[in-house]
Amino acid sequence: MRKEIETLATWYIPVSIVAFIVSVLMTSTLAHEFGSVFGEGSPSSIIRLYFLPGITRLIGFADNLVVGIWLFLQVKRGDGRKALWFLFGLFAHLFAAIIYIGLTLFEQQKASNISLNQDAL
């Protein structure tokens, strides 16, 4: 389980940093464009004013996508509903990954206890 968590961190941290930097840069660009729309009123400024917030949100959603894909791949190895965990990871973010890790550890502990009980008999 440790290796899987390290894989998630390896992908999640750089994507989060890049998403944050791009979001900040695009937000400052958006603020600049917002001021120039009222000054110039050029069609390109107005188009950028409407599309930049959507692009910024999409880039900010990249880390959620990383968690969703990671959960999908983890569940694919085991037995579970891949689409359900993907969507849960997509919308619940790291909370979904924590729940998945907790459930996996609980199931491993439960299987270990059952094995020990059967060996004792």
PDB file of N, CA and C in Angstrom:
ATOM      1  N   MET A   1       0.826  -1.192   0.000  1.00  0.00           N
ATOM      2  CA  MET A   1       0.000   0.000   0.000  1.00  0.00           C
ATOM      3  C   MET A   1       0.873   1.260   0.000  1.00  0.00           C
ATOM      4  N   ARG A   2       2.038   1.165   0.635  1.00  0.00           N
ATOM      5  CA  ARG A   2       2.921   2.333   0.707  1.00  0.00           C
ATOM      6  C   ARG A   2       3.355   2.786  -0.685  1.00  0.00           C
ATOM      7  N   LYS A   3       3.677   1.842  -1.546  1.00  0.00           N
ATOM      8  CA  LYS A   3       4.128   2.186  -2.891  1.00  0.00           C
ATOM      9  C   LYS A   3       3.010   2.879  -3.682  1.00  0.00           C
ATOM     10  N   GLU A   4       1.784   2.429  -3.505  1.00  0.00           N
ATOM     11  CA  GLU A   4       0.648   3.048  -4.202  1.00  0.00           C
ATOM     12  C   GLU A   4       0.417   4.485  -3.736  1.00  0.00           C
ATOM     13  N   ILE A   5       0.568   4.704  -2.434  1.00  0.00           N
ATOM     14  CA  ILE A   5       0.398   6.059  -1.899  1.00  0.00           C
ATOM     15  C   ILE A   5       1.514   6.970  -2.403  1.00  0.00           C
ATOM     16  N   GLU A   6       2.727   6.430  -2.480  1.00  0.00           N
ATOM     17  CA  GLU A   6       3.843   7.218  -3.020  1.00  0.00           C
ATOM     18  C   GLU A   6       3.615   7.554  -4.494  1.00  0.00           C
ATOM     19  N   THR A   7       3.015   6.627  -5.232  1.00  0.00           N
ATOM     20  CA  THR A   7       2.689   6.898  -6.634  1.00  0.00           C
ATOM     21  C   THR A   7       1.680   8.036  -6.731  1.00  0.00           C
ATOM     22  N   LEU A   8       0.673   8.001  -5.875  1.00  0.00           N
ATOM     23  CA  LEU A   8      -0.310   9.091  -5.862  1.00  0.00           C
ATOM     24  C   LEU A   8       0.367  10.417  -5.551  1.00  0.00           C
ATOM     25  N   ALA A   9       1.228  10.437  -4.548  1.00  0.00           N
ATOM     26  CA  ALA A   9       1.920  11.676  -4.173  1.00  0.00           C
ATOM     27  C   ALA A   9       2.827  12.170  -5.297  1.00  0.00           C
ATOM     28  N   THR A  10       3.473  11.223  -5.994  1.00  0.00           N
ATOM     29  CA  THR A  10       4.375  11.584  -7.093  1.00  0.00           C
ATOM     30  C   THR A  10       3.627  12.306  -8.207  1.00  0.00           C
ATOM     31  N   TRP A  11       2.394  11.916  -8.450  1.00  0.00           N
ATOM     32  CA  TRP A  11       1.601  12.575  -9.494  1.00  0.00           C
ATOM     33  C   TRP A  11       0.833  13.780  -8.954  1.00  0.00           C
ATOM     34  N   TYR A  12       0.315  13.653  -7.748  1.00  0.00           N
ATOM     35  CA  TYR A  12      -0.569  14.681  -7.206  1.00  0.00           C
ATOM     36  C   TYR A  12       0.160  15.995  -6.903  1.00  0.00           C
ATOM     37  N   ILE A  13       1.306  15.915  -6.276  1.00  0.00           N
ATOM     38  CA  ILE A  13       2.016  17.125  -5.852  1.00  0.00           C
ATOM     39  C   ILE A  13       2.440  18.001  -7.038  1.00  0.00           C
ATOM     40  N   PRO A  14       3.110  17.439  -8.072  1.00  0.00           N
ATOM     41  CA  PRO A  14       3.473  18.318  -9.200  1.00  0.00           C
ATOM     42  C   PRO A  14       2.266  18.883  -9.949  1.00  0.00           C
ATOM     43  N   VAL A  15       1.226  18.067 -10.111  1.00  0.00           N
ATOM     44  CA  VAL A  15       0.034  18.555 -10.810  1.00  0.00           C
ATOM     45  C   VAL A  15      -0.611  19.678 -10.009  1.00  0.00           C
ATOM     46  N   SER A  16      -0.670  19.547  -8.701  1.00  0.00           N
ATOM     47  CA  SER A  16      -1.246  20.603  -7.858  1.00  0.00           C
ATOM     48  C   SER A  16      -0.436  21.892  -7.940  1.00  0.00           C
ATOM     49  N   ILE A  17       0.884  21.763  -7.929  1.00  0.00           N
ATOM     50  CA  ILE A  17       1.736  22.950  -8.014  1.00  0.00           C
ATOM     51  C   ILE A  17       1.567  23.647  -9.361  1.00  0.00           C
ATOM     52  N   VAL A  18       1.591  22.879 -10.431  1.00  0.00           N
ATOM     53  CA  VAL A  18       1.413  23.465 -11.775  1.00  0.00           C
ATOM     54  C   VAL A  18       0.031  24.090 -11.900  1.00  0.00           C
ATOM     55  N   ALA A  19      -0.997  23.416 -11.407  1.00  0.00           N
ATOM     56  CA  ALA A  19      -2.359  23.958 -11.477  1.00  0.00           C
ATOM     57  C   ALA A  19      -2.464  25.265 -10.702  1.00  0.00           C
ATOM     58  N   PHE A  20      -1.812  25.329  -9.539  1.00  0.00           N
ATOM     59  CA  PHE A  20      -1.848  26.549  -8.748  1.00  0.00           C
ATOM     60  C   PHE A  20      -1.157  27.704  -9.472  1.00  0.00           C
ATOM     61  N   ILE A  21       0.020  27.430 -10.030  1.00  0.00           N
ATOM     62  CA  ILE A  21       0.779  28.480 -10.726  1.00  0.00           C
ATOM     63  C   ILE A  21       0.009  28.973 -11.949  1.00  0.00           C
ATOM     64  N   VAL A  22      -0.507  28.040 -12.734  1.00  0.00           N
ATOM     65  CA  VAL A  22      -1.264  28.436 -13.927  1.00  0.00           C
ATOM     66  C   VAL A  22      -2.523  29.193 -13.530  1.00  0.00           C
ATOM     67  N   SER A  23      -3.171  28.765 -12.470  1.00  0.00           N
ATOM     68  CA  SER A  23      -4.375  29.449 -12.003  1.00  0.00           C
ATOM     69  C   SER A  23      -4.075  30.887 -11.585  1.00  0.00           C
ATOM     70  N   VAL A  24      -2.982  31.081 -10.870  1.00  0.00           N
ATOM     71  CA  VAL A  24      -2.600  32.431 -10.451  1.00  0.00           C
ATOM     72  C   VAL A  24      -2.268  33.300 -11.664  1.00  0.00           C
ATOM     73  N   LEU A  25      -1.503  32.748 -12.598  1.00  0.00           N
ATOM     74  CA  LEU A  25      -1.150  33.512 -13.799  1.00  0.00           C
ATOM     75  C   LEU A  25      -2.379  33.867 -14.628  1.00  0.00           C
ATOM     76  N   MET A  26      -3.283  32.916 -14.764  1.00  0.00           N
ATOM     77  CA  MET A  26      -4.479  33.190 -15.570  1.00  0.00           C
ATOM     78  C   MET A  26      -5.410  34.150 -14.855  1.00  0.00           C
ATOM     79  N   THR A  27      -5.459  34.090 -13.544  1.00  0.00           N
ATOM     80  CA  THR A  27      -6.290  35.026 -12.794  1.00  0.00           C
ATOM     81  C   THR A  27      -5.766  36.450 -12.936  1.00  0.00           C
ATOM     82  N   SER A  28      -4.451  36.611 -12.900  1.00  0.00           N
ATOM     83  CA  SER A  28      -3.900  37.954 -13.082  1.00  0.00           C
ATOM     84  C   SER A  28      -4.140  38.435 -14.506  1.00  0.00           C
ATOM     85  N   THR A  29      -4.055  37.516 -15.462  1.00  0.00           N
ATOM     86  CA  THR A  29      -4.362  37.873 -16.853  1.00  0.00           C
ATOM     87  C   THR A  29      -5.826  38.254 -16.982  1.00  0.00           C
ATOM     88  N   LEU A  30      -6.684  37.512 -16.303  1.00  0.00           N
ATOM     89  CA  LEU A  30      -8.118  37.811 -16.338  1.00  0.00           C
ATOM     90  C   LEU A  30      -8.399  39.190 -15.755  1.00  0.00           C
ATOM     91  N   ALA A  31      -7.739  39.525 -14.655  1.00  0.00           N
ATOM     92  CA  ALA A  31      -7.938  40.846 -14.046  1.00  0.00           C
ATOM     93  C   ALA A  31      -7.475  41.948 -15.000  1.00  0.00           C
ATOM     94  N   HIS A  32      -6.367  41.705 -15.688  1.00  0.00           N
ATOM     95  CA  HIS A  32      -5.871  42.687 -16.662  1.00  0.00           C
ATOM     96  C   HIS A  32      -6.860  42.830 -17.814  1.00  0.00           C
ATOM     97  N   GLU A  33      -7.365  41.707 -18.313  1.00  0.00           N
ATOM     98  CA  GLU A  33      -8.316  41.745 -19.423  1.00  0.00           C
ATOM     99  C   GLU A  33      -9.619  42.406 -19.006  1.00  0.00           C
ATOM    100  N   PHE A  34     -10.042  42.164 -17.783  1.00  0.00           N
ATOM    101  CA  PHE A  34     -11.276  42.755 -17.294  1.00  0.00           C
ATOM    102  C   PHE A  34     -11.180  44.277 -17.314  1.00  0.00           C
ATOM    103  N   GLY A  35     -10.023  44.789 -16.922  1.00  0.00           N
ATOM    104  CA  GLY A  35      -9.828  46.238 -16.959  1.00  0.00           C
ATOM    105  C   GLY A  35      -9.758  46.770 -18.376  1.00  0.00           C
ATOM    106  N   SER A  36      -9.182  45.990 -19.301  1.00  0.00           N
ATOM    107  CA  SER A  36      -9.038  46.484 -20.671  1.00  0.00           C
ATOM    108  C   SER A  36     -10.329  46.372 -21.467  1.00  0.00           C
ATOM    109  N   VAL A  37     -11.254  45.519 -21.048  1.00  0.00           N
ATOM    110  CA  VAL A  37     -12.526  45.401 -21.774  1.00  0.00           C
ATOM    111  C   VAL A  37     -13.282  46.716 -21.704  1.00  0.00           C
ATOM    112  N   PHE A  38     -13.261  47.331 -20.531  1.00  0.00           N
ATOM    113  CA  PHE A  38     -14.003  48.564 -20.382  1.00  0.00           C
ATOM    114  C   PHE A  38     -13.286  49.747 -21.017  1.00  0.00           C
ATOM    115  N   GLY A  39     -11.966  49.591 -21.213  1.00  0.00           N
ATOM    116  CA  GLY A  39     -11.215  50.662 -21.856  1.00  0.00           C
ATOM    117  C   GLY A  39     -11.274  50.555 -23.368  1.00  0.00           C
ATOM    118  N   GLU A  40     -11.004  49.370 -23.912  1.00  0.00           N
ATOM    119  CA  GLU A  40     -10.927  49.196 -25.357  1.00  0.00           C
ATOM    120  C   GLU A  40     -12.209  48.618 -25.936  1.00  0.00           C
ATOM    121  N   GLY A  41     -12.682  47.522 -25.304  1.00  0.00           N
ATOM    122  CA  GLY A  41     -13.887  46.882 -25.808  1.00  0.00           C
ATOM    123  C   GLY A  41     -13.635  46.033 -27.033  1.00  0.00           C
ATOM    124  N   SER A  42     -12.420  45.559 -27.232  1.00  0.00           N
ATOM    125  CA  SER A  42     -12.135  44.739 -28.404  1.00  0.00           C
ATOM    126  C   SER A  42     -12.771  43.360 -28.239  1.00  0.00           C
ATOM    127  N   PRO A  43     -13.201  42.750 -29.339  1.00  0.00           N
ATOM    128  CA  PRO A  43     -13.834  41.429 -29.259  1.00  0.00           C
ATOM    129  C   PRO A  43     -12.927  40.367 -28.652  1.00  0.00           C
ATOM    130  N   SER A  44     -11.621  40.430 -28.935  1.00  0.00           N
ATOM    131  CA  SER A  44     -10.721  39.416 -28.376  1.00  0.00           C
ATOM    132  C   SER A  44     -10.641  39.535 -26.859  1.00  0.00           C
ATOM    133  N   SER A  45     -10.681  40.747 -26.342  1.00  0.00           N
ATOM    134  CA  SER A  45     -10.661  40.931 -24.890  1.00  0.00           C
ATOM    135  C   SER A  45     -11.929  40.379 -24.262  1.00  0.00           C
ATOM    136  N   ILE A  46     -13.054  40.595 -24.907  1.00  0.00           N
ATOM    137  CA  ILE A  46     -14.323  40.098 -24.376  1.00  0.00           C
ATOM    138  C   ILE A  46     -14.351  38.575 -24.416  1.00  0.00           C
ATOM    139  N   ILE A  47     -13.848  37.970 -25.484  1.00  0.00           N
ATOM    140  CA  ILE A  47     -13.806  36.507 -25.578  1.00  0.00           C
ATOM    141  C   ILE A  47     -12.911  35.928 -24.493  1.00  0.00           C
ATOM    142  N   ARG A  48     -11.740  36.518 -24.305  1.00  0.00           N
ATOM    143  CA  ARG A  48     -10.839  36.041 -23.255  1.00  0.00           C
ATOM    144  C   ARG A  48     -11.455  36.218 -21.872  1.00  0.00           C
ATOM    145  N   LEU A  49     -12.223  37.266 -21.683  1.00  0.00           N
ATOM    146  CA  LEU A  49     -12.867  37.513 -20.399  1.00  0.00           C
ATOM    147  C   LEU A  49     -13.845  36.385 -20.066  1.00  0.00           C
ATOM    148  N   TYR A  50     -14.508  35.844 -21.076  1.00  0.00           N
ATOM    149  CA  TYR A  50     -15.477  34.781 -20.828  1.00  0.00           C
ATOM    150  C   TYR A  50     -14.860  33.395 -20.782  1.00  0.00           C
ATOM    151  N   PHE A  51     -13.767  33.150 -21.492  1.00  0.00           N
ATOM    152  CA  PHE A  51     -13.178  31.815 -21.542  1.00  0.00           C
ATOM    153  C   PHE A  51     -12.097  31.568 -20.494  1.00  0.00           C
ATOM    154  N   LEU A  52     -11.401  32.582 -20.056  1.00  0.00           N
ATOM    155  CA  LEU A  52     -10.334  32.381 -19.069  1.00  0.00           C
ATOM    156  C   LEU A  52     -10.818  31.786 -17.745  1.00  0.00           C
ATOM    157  N   PRO A  53     -11.960  32.211 -17.208  1.00  0.00           N
ATOM    158  CA  PRO A  53     -12.395  31.581 -15.952  1.00  0.00           C
ATOM    159  C   PRO A  53     -12.676  30.082 -16.118  1.00  0.00           C
ATOM    160  N   GLY A  54     -13.250  29.688 -17.223  1.00  0.00           N
ATOM    161  CA  GLY A  54     -13.514  28.272 -17.464  1.00  0.00           C
ATOM    162  C   GLY A  54     -12.239  27.459 -17.594  1.00  0.00           C
ATOM    163  N   ILE A  55     -11.270  28.013 -18.301  1.00  0.00           N
ATOM    164  CA  ILE A  55      -9.985  27.327 -18.457  1.00  0.00           C
ATOM    165  C   ILE A  55      -9.278  27.239 -17.109  1.00  0.00           C
ATOM    166  N   THR A  56      -9.367  28.291 -16.313  1.00  0.00           N
ATOM    167  CA  THR A  56      -8.747  28.291 -14.988  1.00  0.00           C
ATOM    168  C   THR A  56      -9.368  27.219 -14.106  1.00  0.00           C
ATOM    169  N   ARG A  57     -10.690  27.090 -14.143  1.00  0.00           N
ATOM    170  CA  ARG A  57     -11.352  26.046 -13.348  1.00  0.00           C
ATOM    171  C   ARG A  57     -10.967  24.658 -13.830  1.00  0.00           C
ATOM    172  N   LEU A  58     -10.855  24.483 -15.139  1.00  0.00           N
ATOM    173  CA  LEU A  58     -10.489  23.185 -15.702  1.00  0.00           C
ATOM    174  C   LEU A  58      -9.084  22.788 -15.263  1.00  0.00           C
ATOM    175  N   ILE A  59      -8.155  23.711 -15.282  1.00  0.00           N
ATOM    176  CA  ILE A  59      -6.793  23.419 -14.851  1.00  0.00           C
ATOM    177  C   ILE A  59      -6.763  23.162 -13.343  1.00  0.00           C
ATOM    178  N   GLY A  60      -7.551  23.880 -12.592  1.00  0.00           N
ATOM    179  CA  GLY A  60      -7.632  23.658 -11.154  1.00  0.00           C
ATOM    180  C   GLY A  60      -8.247  22.315 -10.803  1.00  0.00           C
ATOM    181  N   PHE A  61      -8.960  21.722 -11.737  1.00  0.00           N
ATOM    182  CA  PHE A  61      -9.616  20.430 -11.540  1.00  0.00           C
ATOM    183  C   PHE A  61      -8.660  19.266 -11.841  1.00  0.00           C
ATOM    184  N   ALA A  62      -7.451  19.564 -12.310  1.00  0.00           N
ATOM    185  CA  ALA A  62      -6.499  18.521 -12.716  1.00  0.00           C
ATOM    186  C   ALA A  62      -6.099  17.627 -11.554  1.00  0.00           C
ATOM    187  N   ASP A  63      -5.936  18.187 -10.369  1.00  0.00           N
ATOM    188  CA  ASP A  63      -5.556  17.355  -9.231  1.00  0.00           C
ATOM    189  C   ASP A  63      -6.677  16.401  -8.836  1.00  0.00           C
ATOM    190  N   ASN A  64      -7.929  16.821  -8.994  1.00  0.00           N
ATOM    191  CA  ASN A  64      -9.045  15.905  -8.769  1.00  0.00           C
ATOM    192  C   ASN A  64      -8.993  14.751  -9.761  1.00  0.00           C
ATOM    193  N   LEU A  65      -8.634  15.070 -10.987  1.00  0.00           N
ATOM    194  CA  LEU A  65      -8.533  14.042 -12.025  1.00  0.00           C
ATOM    195  C   LEU A  65      -7.440  13.033 -11.683  1.00  0.00           C
ATOM    196  N   VAL A  66      -6.335  13.501 -11.144  1.00  0.00           N
ATOM    197  CA  VAL A  66      -5.246  12.596 -10.738  1.00  0.00           C
ATOM    198  C   VAL A  66      -5.741  11.620  -9.671  1.00  0.00           C
ATOM    199  N   VAL A  67      -6.460  12.121  -8.678  1.00  0.00           N
ATOM    200  CA  VAL A  67      -6.974  11.256  -7.619  1.00  0.00           C
ATOM    201  C   VAL A  67      -7.988  10.263  -8.192  1.00  0.00           C
ATOM    202  N   GLY A  68      -8.856  10.723  -9.078  1.00  0.00           N
ATOM    203  CA  GLY A  68      -9.840   9.831  -9.683  1.00  0.00           C
ATOM    204  C   GLY A  68      -9.193   8.721 -10.490  1.00  0.00           C
ATOM    205  N   ILE A  69      -8.193   9.052 -11.280  1.00  0.00           N
ATOM    206  CA  ILE A  69      -7.499   8.039 -12.080  1.00  0.00           C
ATOM    207  C   ILE A  69      -6.745   7.077 -11.177  1.00  0.00           C
ATOM    208  N   TRP A  70      -6.113   7.594 -10.122  1.00  0.00           N
ATOM    209  CA  TRP A  70      -5.388   6.724  -9.192  1.00  0.00           C
ATOM    210  C   TRP A  70      -6.337   5.721  -8.537  1.00  0.00           C
ATOM    211  N   LEU A  71      -7.491   6.205  -8.093  1.00  0.00           N
ATOM    212  CA  LEU A  71      -8.466   5.297  -7.481  1.00  0.00           C
ATOM    213  C   LEU A  71      -8.967   4.274  -8.494  1.00  0.00           C
ATOM    214  N   PHE A  72      -9.207   4.711  -9.718  1.00  0.00           N
ATOM    215  CA  PHE A  72      -9.652   3.793 -10.775  1.00  0.00           C
ATOM    216  C   PHE A  72      -8.637   2.672 -10.973  1.00  0.00           C
ATOM    217  N   LEU A  73      -7.368   3.035 -11.043  1.00  0.00           N
ATOM    218  CA  LEU A  73      -6.321   2.025 -11.250  1.00  0.00           C
ATOM    219  C   LEU A  73      -6.165   1.115 -10.035  1.00  0.00           C
ATOM    220  N   GLN A  74      -6.348   1.657  -8.838  1.00  0.00           N
ATOM    221  CA  GLN A  74      -6.245   0.830  -7.637  1.00  0.00           C
ATOM    222  C   GLN A  74      -7.387  -0.180  -7.564  1.00  0.00           C
ATOM    223  N   VAL A  75      -8.586   0.263  -7.862  1.00  0.00           N
ATOM    224  CA  VAL A  75      -9.745  -0.624  -7.806  1.00  0.00           C
ATOM    225  C   VAL A  75      -9.690  -1.639  -8.945  1.00  0.00           C
ATOM    226  N   LYS A  76      -9.089  -1.252 -10.054  1.00  0.00           N
ATOM    227  CA  LYS A  76      -8.953  -2.170 -11.193  1.00  0.00           C
ATOM    228  C   LYS A  76      -8.129  -3.392 -10.805  1.00  0.00           C
ATOM    229  N   ARG A  77      -7.133  -3.218  -9.940  1.00  0.00           N
ATOM    230  CA  ARG A  77      -6.308  -4.331  -9.476  1.00  0.00           C
ATOM    231  C   ARG A  77      -7.087  -5.248  -8.543  1.00  0.00           C
ATOM    232  N   GLY A  78      -7.965  -4.676  -7.763  1.00  0.00           N
ATOM    233  CA  GLY A  78      -8.740  -5.451  -6.800  1.00  0.00           C
ATOM    234  C   GLY A  78     -10.122  -5.739  -7.343  1.00  0.00           C
ATOM    235  N   ASP A  79     -11.045  -5.894  -6.422  1.00  0.00           N
ATOM    236  CA  ASP A  79     -12.420  -6.182  -6.809  1.00  0.00           C
ATOM    237  C   ASP A  79     -13.295  -5.039  -6.325  1.00  0.00           C
ATOM    238  N   GLY A  80     -13.795  -4.273  -7.238  1.00  0.00           N
ATOM    239  CA  GLY A  80     -14.632  -3.149  -6.864  1.00  0.00           C
ATOM    240  C   GLY A  80     -15.226  -2.488  -8.090  1.00  0.00           C
ATOM    241  N   ARG A  81     -15.982  -1.467  -7.845  1.00  0.00           N
ATOM    242  CA  ARG A  81     -16.631  -0.722  -8.932  1.00  0.00           C
ATOM    243  C   ARG A  81     -15.729   0.432  -9.350  1.00  0.00           C
ATOM    244  N   LYS A  82     -15.091   0.246 -10.481  1.00  0.00           N
ATOM    245  CA  LYS A  82     -14.090   1.208 -10.949  1.00  0.00           C
ATOM    246  C   LYS A  82     -14.690   2.586 -11.197  1.00  0.00           C
ATOM    247  N   ALA A  83     -15.827   2.630 -11.889  1.00  0.00           N
ATOM    248  CA  ALA A  83     -16.440   3.919 -12.235  1.00  0.00           C
ATOM    249  C   ALA A  83     -16.884   4.672 -10.987  1.00  0.00           C
ATOM    250  N   LEU A  84     -17.408   3.948 -10.017  1.00  0.00           N
ATOM    251  CA  LEU A  84     -17.864   4.581  -8.783  1.00  0.00           C
ATOM    252  C   LEU A  84     -16.707   5.230  -8.032  1.00  0.00           C
ATOM    253  N   TRP A  85     -15.596   4.513  -7.910  1.00  0.00           N
ATOM    254  CA  TRP A  85     -14.438   5.065  -7.214  1.00  0.00           C
ATOM    255  C   TRP A  85     -13.808   6.204  -8.010  1.00  0.00           C
ATOM    256  N   PHE A  86     -13.822   6.097  -9.341  1.00  0.00           N
ATOM    257  CA  PHE A  86     -13.297   7.188 -10.175  1.00  0.00           C
ATOM    258  C   PHE A  86     -14.097   8.467  -9.934  1.00  0.00           C
ATOM    259  N   LEU A  87     -15.416   8.362  -9.968  1.00  0.00           N
ATOM    260  CA  LEU A  87     -16.265   9.536  -9.754  1.00  0.00           C
ATOM    261  C   LEU A  87     -16.127  10.073  -8.327  1.00  0.00           C
ATOM    262  N   PHE A  88     -16.024   9.166  -7.370  1.00  0.00           N
ATOM    263  CA  PHE A  88     -15.836   9.590  -5.979  1.00  0.00           C
ATOM    264  C   PHE A  88     -14.524  10.353  -5.836  1.00  0.00           C
ATOM    265  N   GLY A  89     -13.470   9.852  -6.461  1.00  0.00           N
ATOM    266  CA  GLY A  89     -12.181  10.539  -6.432  1.00  0.00           C
ATOM    267  C   GLY A  89     -12.212  11.862  -7.165  1.00  0.00           C
ATOM    268  N   LEU A  90     -12.977  11.903  -8.250  1.00  0.00           N
ATOM    269  CA  LEU A  90     -13.080  13.114  -9.050  1.00  0.00           C
ATOM    270  C   LEU A  90     -13.746  14.247  -8.269  1.00  0.00           C
ATOM    271  N   PHE A  91     -14.752  13.908  -7.490  1.00  0.00           N
ATOM    272  CA  PHE A  91     -15.505  14.947  -6.802  1.00  0.00           C
ATOM    273  C   PHE A  91     -15.140  15.111  -5.324  1.00  0.00           C
ATOM    274  N   ALA A  92     -14.652  14.051  -4.676  1.00  0.00           N
ATOM    275  CA  ALA A  92     -14.337  14.152  -3.252  1.00  0.00           C
ATOM    276  C   ALA A  92     -12.850  14.368  -3.011  1.00  0.00           C
ATOM    277  N   HIS A  93     -12.058  14.183  -4.056  1.00  0.00           N
ATOM    278  CA  HIS A  93     -10.649  14.557  -4.003  1.00  0.00           C
ATOM    279  C   HIS A  93      -9.869  13.678  -3.027  1.00  0.00           C
ATOM    280  N   LEU A  94      -9.036  14.259  -2.185  1.00  0.00           N
ATOM    281  CA  LEU A  94      -8.204  13.488  -1.264  1.00  0.00           C
ATOM    282  C   LEU A  94      -9.021  12.766  -0.199  1.00  0.00           C
ATOM    283  N   PHE A  95     -10.198  13.273   0.105  1.00  0.00           N
ATOM    284  CA  PHE A  95     -11.081  12.603   1.052  1.00  0.00           C
ATOM    285  C   PHE A  95     -11.417  11.198   0.552  1.00  0.00           C
ATOM    286  N   ALA A  96     -11.654  11.057  -0.742  1.00  0.00           N
ATOM    287  CA  ALA A  96     -11.943   9.749  -1.327  1.00  0.00           C
ATOM    288  C   ALA A  96     -10.737   8.825  -1.238  1.00  0.00           C
ATOM    289  N   ALA A  97      -9.552   9.359  -1.467  1.00  0.00           N
ATOM    290  CA  ALA A  97      -8.341   8.541  -1.373  1.00  0.00           C
ATOM    291  C   ALA A  97      -8.127   8.063   0.059  1.00  0.00           C
ATOM    292  N   ILE A  98      -8.396   8.914   1.041  1.00  0.00           N
ATOM    293  CA  ILE A  98      -8.244   8.529   2.444  1.00  0.00           C
ATOM    294  C   ILE A  98      -9.243   7.437   2.808  1.00  0.00           C
ATOM    295  N   ILE A  99     -10.467   7.570   2.345  1.00  0.00           N
ATOM    296  CA  ILE A  99     -11.471   6.536   2.612  1.00  0.00           C
ATOM    297  C   ILE A  99     -11.072   5.219   1.956  1.00  0.00           C
ATOM    298  N   TYR A 100     -10.580   5.286   0.718  1.00  0.00           N
ATOM    299  CA  TYR A 100     -10.158   4.062   0.029  1.00  0.00           C
ATOM    300  C   TYR A 100      -9.015   3.376   0.774  1.00  0.00           C
ATOM    301  N   ILE A 101      -8.042   4.140   1.191  1.00  0.00           N
ATOM    302  CA  ILE A 101      -6.898   3.577   1.921  1.00  0.00           C
ATOM    303  C   ILE A 101      -7.365   2.966   3.243  1.00  0.00           C
ATOM    304  N   GLY A 102      -8.242   3.664   3.944  1.00  0.00           N
ATOM    305  CA  GLY A 102      -8.771   3.133   5.199  1.00  0.00           C
ATOM    306  C   GLY A 102      -9.535   1.833   5.001  1.00  0.00           C
ATOM    307  N   LEU A 103     -10.383   1.783   3.981  1.00  0.00           N
ATOM    308  CA  LEU A 103     -11.132   0.559   3.701  1.00  0.00           C
ATOM    309  C   LEU A 103     -10.209  -0.588   3.299  1.00  0.00           C
ATOM    310  N   THR A 104      -9.211  -0.294   2.519  1.00  0.00           N
ATOM    311  CA  THR A 104      -8.263  -1.327   2.099  1.00  0.00           C
ATOM    312  C   THR A 104      -7.502  -1.886   3.296  1.00  0.00           C
ATOM    313  N   LEU A 105      -7.036  -1.009   4.169  1.00  0.00           N
ATOM    314  CA  LEU A 105      -6.319  -1.471   5.362  1.00  0.00           C
ATOM    315  C   LEU A 105      -7.239  -2.266   6.281  1.00  0.00           C
ATOM    316  N   PHE A 106      -8.480  -1.834   6.405  1.00  0.00           N
ATOM    317  CA  PHE A 106      -9.448  -2.558   7.224  1.00  0.00           C
ATOM    318  C   PHE A 106      -9.700  -3.959   6.661  1.00  0.00           C
ATOM    319  N   GLU A 107      -9.878  -4.059   5.353  1.00  0.00           N
ATOM    320  CA  GLU A 107     -10.104  -5.365   4.723  1.00  0.00           C
ATOM    321  C   GLU A 107      -8.885  -6.268   4.858  1.00  0.00           C
ATOM    322  N   GLN A 108      -7.694  -5.706   4.739  1.00  0.00           N
ATOM    323  CA  GLN A 108      -6.484  -6.512   4.910  1.00  0.00           C
ATOM    324  C   GLN A 108      -6.362  -7.009   6.349  1.00  0.00           C
ATOM    325  N   GLN A 109      -6.680  -6.168   7.302  1.00  0.00           N
ATOM    326  CA  GLN A 109      -6.638  -6.565   8.710  1.00  0.00           C
ATOM    327  C   GLN A 109      -7.683  -7.639   8.991  1.00  0.00           C
ATOM    328  N   LYS A 110      -8.855  -7.482   8.434  1.00  0.00           N
ATOM    329  CA  LYS A 110      -9.934  -8.454   8.617  1.00  0.00           C
ATOM    330  C   LYS A 110      -9.540  -9.804   8.034  1.00  0.00           C
ATOM    331  N   ALA A 111      -8.955  -9.797   6.840  1.00  0.00           N
ATOM    332  CA  ALA A 111      -8.512 -11.043   6.210  1.00  0.00           C
ATOM    333  C   ALA A 111      -7.392 -11.683   7.023  1.00  0.00           C
ATOM    334  N   SER A 112      -6.518 -10.881   7.575  1.00  0.00           N
ATOM    335  CA  SER A 112      -5.429 -11.397   8.396  1.00  0.00           C
ATOM    336  C   SER A 112      -5.968 -12.042   9.673  1.00  0.00           C
ATOM    337  N   ASN A 113      -6.957 -11.423  10.293  1.00  0.00           N
ATOM    338  CA  ASN A 113      -7.562 -11.980  11.505  1.00  0.00           C
ATOM    339  C   ASN A 113      -8.293 -13.283  11.213  1.00  0.00           C
ATOM    340  N   ILE A 114      -8.986 -13.361  10.098  1.00  0.00           N
ATOM    341  CA  ILE A 114      -9.690 -14.596   9.721  1.00  0.00           C
ATOM    342  C   ILE A 114      -8.663 -15.714   9.480  1.00  0.00           C
ATOM    343  N   SER A 115      -7.582 -15.369   8.844  1.00  0.00           N
ATOM    344  CA  SER A 115      -6.531 -16.354   8.581  1.00  0.00           C
ATOM    345  C   SER A 115      -5.924 -16.862   9.890  1.00  0.00           C
ATOM    346  N   LEU A 116      -5.670 -15.957  10.827  1.00  0.00           N
ATOM    347  CA  LEU A 116      -5.115 -16.359  12.115  1.00  0.00           C
ATOM    348  C   LEU A 116      -6.081 -17.241  12.905  1.00  0.00           C
ATOM    349  N   ASN A 117      -7.378 -16.913  12.838  1.00  0.00           N
ATOM    350  CA  ASN A 117      -8.376 -17.708  13.536  1.00  0.00           C
ATOM    351  C   ASN A 117      -8.497 -19.110  12.953  1.00  0.00           C
ATOM    352  N   GLN A 118      -8.396 -19.230  11.646  1.00  0.00           N
ATOM    353  CA  GLN A 118      -8.474 -20.536  11.006  1.00  0.00           C
ATOM    354  C   GLN A 118      -7.235 -21.372  11.307  1.00  0.00           C
ATOM    355  N   ASP A 119      -6.090 -20.713  11.396  1.00  0.00           N
ATOM    356  CA  ASP A 119      -4.861 -21.424  11.738  1.00  0.00           C
ATOM    357  C   ASP A 119      -4.889 -21.920  13.186  1.00  0.00           C
ATOM    358  N   ALA A 120      -5.551 -21.194  14.063  1.00  0.00           N
ATOM    359  CA  ALA A 120      -5.604 -21.574  15.469  1.00  0.00           C
ATOM    360  C   ALA A 120      -6.488 -22.808  15.683  1.00  0.00           C
ATOM    361  N   LEU A 121      -7.453 -22.987  14.782  1.00  0.00           N
ATOM    362  CA  LEU A 121      -8.345 -24.157  14.909  1.00  0.00           C
ATOM    363  C   LEU A 121      -7.613 -25.351  14.398  1.00  0.00           C
TER     364      LEU A 121
END
